[in-house]
Protein backbone atom coordinates (compact mmCIF):
# COMPACT_ATOMS: atom_id res chain seq x y z
CA MET A 1 4.43 4.93 9.98
CA PRO A 2 3.70 1.46 7.92
CA LYS A 3 6.14 -0.29 6.58
CA VAL A 4 5.95 -0.66 2.05
CA ASP A 5 7.42 -3.27 0.27
CA ILE A 6 7.72 -2.86 -3.83
CA ILE A 7 8.83 -5.07 -6.23
CA ASP A 8 9.99 -4.27 -9.45
CA ARG A 9 9.03 -7.30 -11.95
CA LYS A 10 9.61 -7.80 -15.67
CA ASN A 11 6.44 -6.79 -16.63
CA GLU A 12 4.62 -4.79 -13.39
CA ILE A 13 6.13 -3.53 -10.26
CA ILE A 14 3.91 -4.76 -6.69
CA GLY A 15 3.84 -2.41 -3.97
CA VAL A 16 2.58 -4.47 -0.46
CA SER A 17 1.31 -3.01 3.09
CA LYS A 18 -1.19 -3.56 5.69
CA ASP A 19 -4.67 -2.18 7.70
CA ASN A 20 -7.38 -0.01 6.96
CA LEU A 21 -6.75 1.19 3.96
CA ASP A 22 -8.02 3.54 0.69
CA VAL A 23 -5.88 3.53 -1.93
CA SER A 24 -5.03 5.87 -5.50
CA LEU A 25 -3.29 6.27 -8.41
CA SER A 26 -2.43 9.49 -10.35
CA ASP A 27 0.72 10.78 -12.56
CA ASN A 28 2.26 7.59 -11.73
CA THR A 29 2.35 7.92 -7.17
CA VAL A 30 0.19 5.88 -5.37
CA LEU A 31 -0.92 6.97 -2.12
CA ILE A 32 -1.76 4.87 0.99
CA ARG A 33 -4.14 6.20 2.79
CA ALA A 34 -5.81 4.46 6.34
CA SER A 35 -7.19 5.42 10.06
CA THR A 36 -7.40 3.34 13.11
CA ARG A 37 -9.73 3.16 15.85
CA HIS A 38 -9.13 1.07 18.68
CA GLU A 39 -10.95 1.53 21.91
CA ALA A 40 -11.19 -1.10 24.94
CA GLN A 41 -12.42 -0.73 28.61
CA GLU A 42 -12.30 -3.00 31.56
CA GLU A 43 -14.32 -2.95 35.10
CA ARG A 44 -13.07 -5.02 37.71
CA ALA A 45 -13.69 -4.00 41.53
CA GLY A 46 -12.01 -1.62 42.53
CA TYR A 47 -11.04 -0.08 38.98
CA TYR A 48 -12.19 0.76 35.63
CA ARG A 49 -9.70 1.39 33.05
CA ARG A 50 -10.90 2.69 29.52
CA GLU A 51 -8.36 3.06 26.56
CA MET A 52 -8.76 4.84 22.81
CA ILE A 53 -7.15 4.98 20.53
CA ARG A 54 -6.57 6.84 17.47
CA GLY A 55 -4.19 7.69 14.38
CA GLU A 56 -4.26 8.27 10.65
CA PHE A 57 -0.83 7.80 8.50
CA GLN A 58 -0.91 8.40 4.67
CA ARG A 59 2.48 7.26 2.48
CA THR A 60 2.86 8.70 -1.14
CA ILE A 61 4.67 6.44 -3.36
CA PRO A 62 6.87 7.35 -6.58
CA MET A 63 6.65 4.44 -9.50
CA PRO A 64 10.36 3.26 -11.11
CA ALA A 65 8.58 3.49 -13.78
CA ASN A 66 5.67 4.38 -15.62
CA VAL A 67 2.37 2.82 -15.45
CA LYS A 68 -0.55 1.69 -16.61
CA GLY A 69 -3.12 3.09 -13.48
CA GLU A 70 -6.70 1.76 -15.54
CA GLU A 71 -5.65 -1.92 -14.74
CA ALA A 72 -4.38 -1.88 -11.03
CA LYS A 73 -5.57 -4.50 -9.53
CA ALA A 74 -5.54 -4.25 -5.57
CA SER A 75 -6.72 -7.61 -2.96
CA PHE A 76 -6.67 -7.70 0.49
CA LYS A 77 -5.49 -11.58 2.44
CA ASP A 78 -4.43 -11.87 6.30
CA GLY A 79 -3.66 -8.29 6.66
CA ILE A 80 -1.94 -7.40 2.90
CA LEU A 81 -2.96 -5.04 0.45
CA GLU A 82 -1.09 -6.24 -2.29
CA LEU A 83 -0.96 -3.67 -5.72
CA THR A 84 -0.91 -4.84 -9.29
CA ILE A 85 0.75 -2.57 -11.87
CA PRO A 86 0.98 -3.38 -15.21
CA LYS A 87 3.91 -1.41 -16.35
CA VAL A 88 3.66 0.65 -19.98
CA GLU A 89 5.42 -1.42 -22.91
CA GLN A 90 7.72 1.67 -23.20
CA SER A 91 9.05 1.00 -19.15
CA LYS A 92 9.85 -2.60 -19.65
CA ARG A 93 13.05 -3.93 -19.55
CA ARG A 94 14.55 -5.04 -22.47
CA ALA A 95 17.90 -6.12 -23.30
CA ILE A 96 20.16 -4.45 -25.74
CA LYS A 97 22.64 -6.49 -27.21
CA VAL A 98 26.59 -5.30 -27.23
CA GLU A 99 27.99 -5.18 -30.32
């Protein structure tokens, strides 16, 4: 299971993960899926070695606030996926003066 960091900023929520990903957003929930496949083989005098590694994972992350899914953005750099999802106006934090 890949590790995921969720950062709750003033106006948006940012999530970070890695690998070959399929990302979707619905009902204030982000779904991250990936499948990996790696094959290696080696032949030398007297032996033959072949390894195949396959795996899949899925991670569902509920957002801590209501978000604007239609304005979500994703970037992938150096093996890191960054999602930027703006919050809806009523979900933004605001100071309340105590009287």
